[in-house]
Amino acid sequence: MPRVLKDPRYDLKIHYPKVVEISLIITLLMTIVILLSSKEYNINRQAAKAEQVVFKAEDIPITQQVKRPPPPARPSIPVESDEADVDESVTIDDIEWDIMDEPPPPPPPPEEVVDFFAVEVQPELVGGAQAIYEYITNNDLYPEMAKLAGLNGDVLIQFVVGADGTPRNVVVAQEKPTNAGFGDAGVKAIMAMRFKPGKQRDRYVAVNMQQVIRFRIK
């Protein structure tokens, strides 16, 4: 059977891309014509206006809180004791009431004691250290046994100078040599001294102090 040849002008496989392209162009043109011929819609957008809120200031009076007084104390009911001996012959008119008696004053507050190096104005020994040695010499406080033995001694005395300038709480902190009588002599000498009191914040205060006393035989 002889082979039949197709005419290229009628072959769809050859003309398929061109046909599709022409179809798309026609479709696009029809769509544009339809849109242009349709009715135009105007969309009006109206911005919503926010309502204006008006704040009105009002003066509110300040109320004062009234503190209620505490409830009165519950009275105690005395209970009669069976063992108490009551003198029925004594009446209220027979009792002498001394309404002028006043309660004793409260005790004074404890005195503030400041360390020597912490006080603003330090106490001063009236007459200086020379006053101590003059007092020891004038009152013959050099221990007799130490004097006969030719012993010298050193003693460290701790004490408190009160706000009135008088020493108190006088004790022996150190003594060399010990048990030779130098400590007792040093305590007596310090107890006889007077000081200008120390000051803290413009007022007199008690101050802790130490004093070295050296006993020497001339």
Protein backbone atom coordinates (compact mmCIF):
# COMPACT_ATOMS: atom_id res chain seq x y z
CA MET A 1 0.00 0.00 0.00
CA PRO A 2 1.53 3.31 -1.02
CA ARG A 3 2.31 5.91 1.89
CA VAL A 4 0.14 9.07 1.90
CA LEU A 5 2.00 12.32 2.61
CA LYS A 6 0.23 15.05 4.71
CA ASP A 7 0.17 18.62 3.62
CA PRO A 8 2.28 20.70 6.07
CA ARG A 9 -0.28 23.51 6.00
CA TYR A 10 -2.85 21.25 7.66
CA ASP A 11 -0.60 19.49 10.16
CA LEU A 12 -1.83 20.49 13.73
CA LYS A 13 1.34 19.40 15.46
CA ILE A 14 3.31 21.96 13.52
CA HIS A 15 0.81 24.82 14.02
CA TYR A 16 -0.15 24.01 17.71
CA PRO A 17 2.02 26.64 19.46
CA LYS A 18 0.88 29.35 17.11
CA VAL A 19 -2.76 28.43 17.60
CA VAL A 20 -2.43 28.57 21.38
CA GLU A 21 -0.73 32.00 21.23
CA ILE A 22 -3.49 33.41 19.01
CA SER A 23 -6.16 32.03 21.33
CA LEU A 24 -4.59 33.70 24.40
CA ILE A 25 -4.42 37.05 22.60
CA ILE A 26 -8.08 36.84 21.60
CA THR A 27 -9.10 35.91 25.15
CA LEU A 28 -7.13 38.86 26.63
CA LEU A 29 -8.71 41.33 24.17
CA MET A 30 -12.22 40.11 25.02
CA THR A 31 -11.56 40.45 28.73
CA ILE A 32 -10.36 44.08 28.30
CA VAL A 33 -13.45 44.97 26.24
CA ILE A 34 -15.76 43.51 28.87
CA LEU A 35 -14.06 45.43 31.69
CA LEU A 36 -14.19 48.75 29.80
CA SER A 37 -17.85 48.32 28.96
CA SER A 38 -18.88 47.42 32.53
CA LYS A 39 -20.16 49.99 35.04
CA GLU A 40 -17.57 51.80 37.07
CA TYR A 41 -17.80 51.49 40.79
CA ASN A 42 -16.73 54.30 42.97
CA ILE A 43 -15.81 53.26 46.43
CA ASN A 44 -16.02 56.05 48.91
CA ARG A 45 -14.20 55.48 52.04
CA GLN A 46 -15.18 57.56 54.94
CA ALA A 47 -12.82 57.75 57.82
CA ALA A 48 -14.55 57.03 61.05
CA LYS A 49 -14.27 59.92 63.33
CA ALA A 50 -13.37 59.07 66.88
CA GLU A 51 -15.64 60.53 69.46
CA GLN A 52 -13.93 63.18 71.57
CA VAL A 53 -13.93 62.32 75.22
CA VAL A 54 -14.06 65.21 77.60
CA PHE A 55 -12.61 64.70 81.10
CA LYS A 56 -14.01 66.92 83.77
CA ALA A 57 -11.88 67.48 86.87
CA GLU A 58 -13.72 67.65 90.14
CA ASP A 59 -12.37 68.73 93.49
CA ILE A 60 -12.75 65.90 95.98
CA PRO A 61 -12.52 67.07 99.58
CA ILE A 62 -9.87 65.29 101.66
CA THR A 63 -11.49 63.41 104.43
CA GLN A 64 -9.67 63.23 107.76
CA GLN A 65 -9.52 59.88 109.44
CA VAL A 66 -10.56 60.11 113.02
CA LYS A 67 -8.73 57.74 115.31
CA ARG A 68 -11.02 56.10 117.72
CA PRO A 69 -9.87 56.11 121.31
CA PRO A 70 -8.85 52.71 122.65
CA PRO A 71 -11.50 50.92 124.65
CA PRO A 72 -11.24 51.42 128.38
CA ALA A 73 -9.42 48.79 130.34
CA ARG A 74 -11.55 46.09 131.72
CA PRO A 75 -11.89 46.66 135.45
CA SER A 76 -10.55 43.94 137.62
CA ILE A 77 -12.90 42.50 140.15
CA PRO A 78 -11.26 41.99 143.53
CA VAL A 79 -11.71 38.57 144.99
CA GLU A 80 -12.05 38.30 148.69
CA SER A 81 -9.51 36.03 150.27
CA ASP A 82 -10.61 33.61 152.92
CA GLU A 83 -7.26 33.86 154.72
CA ALA A 84 -7.07 37.65 154.95
CA ASP A 85 -7.82 39.10 158.35
CA VAL A 86 -9.97 42.19 157.91
CA ASP A 87 -10.36 44.62 160.76
CA GLU A 88 -14.05 45.44 160.52
CA SER A 89 -13.67 48.32 162.99
CA VAL A 90 -11.59 50.36 160.52
CA THR A 91 -13.63 52.54 158.17
CA ILE A 92 -12.64 54.66 155.19
CA ASP A 93 -12.85 57.80 157.29
CA ASP A 94 -10.16 56.43 159.64
CA ILE A 95 -7.56 56.02 156.84
CA GLU A 96 -5.20 58.93 156.22
CA TRP A 97 -4.63 59.54 152.52
CA ASP A 98 -1.47 61.42 151.54
CA ILE A 99 -2.31 62.68 148.07
CA MET A 100 0.76 64.91 147.98
CA ASP A 101 3.16 61.98 147.74
CA GLU A 102 4.78 61.82 144.32
CA PRO A 103 6.40 58.78 142.75
CA PRO A 104 10.19 58.74 142.92
CA PRO A 105 11.98 60.20 139.90
CA PRO A 106 13.21 57.74 137.28
CA PRO A 107 16.85 56.71 137.52
CA PRO A 108 19.25 58.75 135.37
CA PRO A 109 20.18 57.24 132.01
CA PRO A 110 23.47 55.34 131.89
CA GLU A 111 26.43 57.57 131.18
CA GLU A 112 27.93 57.22 127.74
CA VAL A 113 31.58 56.13 127.82
CA VAL A 114 33.70 56.94 124.75
CA ASP A 115 37.12 55.52 123.91
CA PHE A 116 40.04 57.92 124.22
CA PHE A 117 40.91 57.93 120.50
CA ALA A 118 37.26 58.20 119.40
CA VAL A 119 36.27 61.26 121.45
CA GLU A 120 36.32 64.64 119.72
CA VAL A 121 37.95 66.55 122.61
CA GLN A 122 40.14 64.32 124.79
CA PRO A 123 40.36 64.78 128.56
CA GLU A 124 43.37 66.63 129.95
CA LEU A 125 45.08 65.98 133.27
CA VAL A 126 45.12 69.17 135.32
CA GLY A 127 48.78 69.96 135.94
CA GLY A 128 49.98 67.35 133.45
CA ALA A 129 51.90 64.20 134.29
CA GLN A 130 54.07 66.23 136.67
CA ALA A 131 51.08 66.49 139.01
CA ILE A 132 51.13 62.68 139.45
CA TYR A 133 54.81 62.56 140.42
CA GLU A 134 54.48 65.53 142.75
CA TYR A 135 51.55 63.84 144.48
CA ILE A 136 53.53 60.58 144.88
CA THR A 137 56.51 62.49 146.34
CA ASN A 138 54.50 64.76 148.61
CA ASN A 139 52.46 61.85 150.01
CA ASP A 140 55.40 59.41 150.18
CA LEU A 141 53.64 56.79 148.01
CA TYR A 142 56.85 55.11 146.83
CA PRO A 143 56.60 51.54 148.18
CA GLU A 144 58.80 51.25 151.29
CA MET A 145 60.07 47.75 150.56
CA ALA A 146 60.93 48.68 146.96
CA LYS A 147 62.71 51.80 148.17
CA LEU A 148 64.82 49.78 150.65
CA ALA A 149 65.62 47.21 147.95
CA GLY A 150 66.48 49.92 145.43
CA LEU A 151 63.80 48.72 142.97
CA ASN A 152 62.35 50.81 140.17
CA GLY A 153 58.88 50.02 138.84
CA ASP A 154 56.44 50.71 136.04
CA VAL A 155 52.67 50.49 136.31
CA LEU A 156 49.86 50.92 133.73
CA ILE A 157 46.61 52.23 135.23
CA GLN A 158 43.24 51.99 133.43
CA PHE A 159 40.36 54.22 134.47
CA VAL A 160 37.38 56.27 133.29
CA VAL A 161 37.33 60.06 133.41
CA GLY A 162 33.72 61.02 134.11
CA ALA A 163 31.85 63.93 132.62
CA ASP A 164 32.65 65.85 135.81
CA GLY A 165 36.41 65.28 135.42
CA THR A 166 36.84 62.79 138.27
CA PRO A 167 38.45 59.36 137.69
CA ARG A 168 36.60 56.18 138.56
CA ASN A 169 36.86 52.43 137.90
CA VAL A 170 40.60 52.73 138.51
CA VAL A 171 42.38 49.36 138.09
CA VAL A 172 45.93 48.12 137.54
CA ALA A 173 46.37 46.81 133.98
CA GLN A 174 50.10 45.98 134.20
CA GLU A 175 52.73 46.13 136.94
CA LYS A 176 56.48 45.49 136.78
CA PRO A 177 57.75 44.07 139.04
CA THR A 178 54.60 42.50 140.43
CA ASN A 179 53.64 42.42 144.09
CA ALA A 180 56.04 45.24 144.91
CA GLY A 181 53.39 47.82 145.80
CA PHE A 182 53.72 49.97 142.67
CA GLY A 183 50.18 49.15 141.50
CA ASP A 184 48.50 50.30 144.73
CA ALA A 185 50.57 53.50 144.73
CA GLY A 186 49.59 54.22 141.12
CA VAL A 187 45.86 53.69 141.87
CA LYS A 188 46.02 56.13 144.82
CA ALA A 189 47.79 58.74 142.71
CA ILE A 190 45.26 58.54 139.85
CA MET A 191 42.30 58.67 142.25
CA ALA A 192 43.62 62.00 143.57
CA MET A 193 43.93 63.60 140.12
CA ARG A 194 41.42 65.85 138.38
CA PHE A 195 40.85 66.15 134.63
CA LYS A 196 39.27 68.49 132.15
CA PRO A 197 36.48 66.22 130.85
CA GLY A 198 36.25 65.13 127.25
CA LYS A 199 33.64 66.44 124.81
CA GLN A 200 31.58 64.70 122.18
CA ARG A 201 29.10 66.68 120.06
CA ASP A 202 29.43 69.77 122.32
CA ARG A 203 28.67 67.92 125.54
CA TYR A 204 30.81 66.40 128.24
CA VAL A 205 31.15 62.63 128.17
CA ALA A 206 32.99 59.93 130.09
CA VAL A 207 36.16 58.67 128.42
CA ASN A 208 38.23 55.50 128.85
CA MET A 209 41.89 56.34 129.60
CA GLN A 210 45.23 54.76 130.45
CA GLN A 211 48.19 56.28 132.29
CA VAL A 212 51.74 54.94 132.66
CA ILE A 213 53.46 55.82 135.94
CA ARG A 214 57.20 55.19 136.29
CA PHE A 215 58.68 54.88 139.77
CA ARG A 216 62.35 55.76 139.92
CA ILE A 217 64.75 56.13 142.84
CA LYS A 218 66.82 59.26 142.47
